[in-house]
Protein backbone atom coordinates (compact mmCIF):
# COMPACT_ATOMS: atom_id res chain seq x y z
CA UNK A 1 -4.36 28.63 8.28
CA UNK A 2 -4.43 24.92 7.11
CA UNK A 3 -6.76 22.35 8.46
CA UNK A 4 -5.61 18.78 9.49
CA UNK A 5 -6.60 17.45 5.87
CA UNK A 6 -4.05 19.64 4.09
CA UNK A 7 -0.90 18.20 3.01
CA UNK A 8 2.36 19.85 3.10
CA UNK A 9 5.21 19.18 0.65
CA UNK A 10 5.76 15.86 2.31
CA UNK A 11 2.11 14.72 2.51
CA UNK A 12 -0.39 14.51 5.25
CA UNK A 13 1.64 11.99 7.45
CA UNK A 14 3.69 12.87 10.40
CA UNK A 15 7.27 12.07 10.42
CA UNK A 16 6.73 9.06 12.68
CA UNK A 17 3.83 7.79 10.32
CA UNK A 18 6.15 8.12 7.56
CA UNK A 19 8.80 6.11 9.22
CA UNK A 20 6.44 3.50 10.03
CA UNK A 21 5.06 3.28 6.18
CA UNK A 22 8.80 3.40 5.09
CA UNK A 23 9.63 0.19 7.30
CA UNK A 24 6.79 -1.41 5.98
CA UNK A 25 7.76 -0.83 2.45
CA UNK A 26 11.23 -1.74 3.09
CA UNK A 27 10.30 -5.19 4.60
CA UNK A 28 7.93 -5.81 1.80
CA UNK A 29 10.75 -5.03 -0.72
CA UNK A 30 13.05 -7.43 1.26
CA UNK A 31 10.43 -10.36 1.05
CA UNK A 32 10.02 -9.71 -2.78
CA UNK A 33 13.71 -10.19 -3.48
CA UNK A 34 13.94 -13.09 -1.19
CA UNK A 35 13.84 -16.63 -2.75
CA UNK A 36 11.14 -18.14 -0.77
CA UNK A 37 11.60 -21.57 -1.90
CA UNK A 38 15.03 -21.49 -0.27
CA UNK A 39 13.81 -20.65 3.05
CA UNK A 40 13.14 -23.15 5.74
CA UNK A 41 9.99 -23.33 7.66
CA UNK A 42 11.04 -21.34 10.70
CA UNK A 43 12.32 -18.43 8.36
CA UNK A 44 9.09 -18.36 6.46
CA UNK A 45 7.10 -18.16 9.62
CA UNK A 46 9.35 -15.31 10.87
CA UNK A 47 8.90 -13.59 7.47
CA UNK A 48 5.05 -13.96 7.57
CA UNK A 49 4.93 -12.66 11.07
CA UNK A 50 7.05 -9.63 10.25
CA UNK A 51 5.04 -8.72 7.32
CA UNK A 52 1.79 -9.32 9.27
CA UNK A 53 3.09 -6.91 11.91
CA UNK A 54 3.94 -4.32 9.31
CA UNK A 55 0.46 -4.48 7.80
CA UNK A 56 -1.03 -4.07 11.07
CA UNK A 57 1.07 -0.95 11.53
CA UNK A 58 0.14 0.46 8.30
CA UNK A 59 -3.44 -0.19 8.94
CA UNK A 60 -3.05 1.80 12.30
CA UNK A 61 -1.54 4.75 10.23
CA UNK A 62 -4.56 4.75 8.20
CA UNK A 63 -7.12 4.64 11.17
CA UNK A 64 -5.02 7.58 12.69
CA UNK A 65 -5.39 9.60 9.52
CA UNK A 66 -9.21 8.81 9.17
CA UNK A 67 -9.73 9.59 12.98
CA UNK A 68 -7.82 12.81 12.45
CA UNK A 69 -9.98 13.82 9.44
CA UNK A 70 -13.07 13.03 11.26
CA UNK A 71 -12.50 15.16 14.42
CA UNK A 72 -13.33 18.81 14.06
């Protein structure tokens, strides 16, 4: 029997957590290939807000993983 810290072939993340991390990586990759100098102010603000939301979501995944490891 495996404990909650054990990782299967896909890692310790649940399917939902994997999707959340995937979306964060995809948004980060899109922002890396975007020429930020060509974006107007409104689009820059939207980009920063999107990335801020994704960062918050990934940090929430980390919190979920940490709390799952701490509970017996």
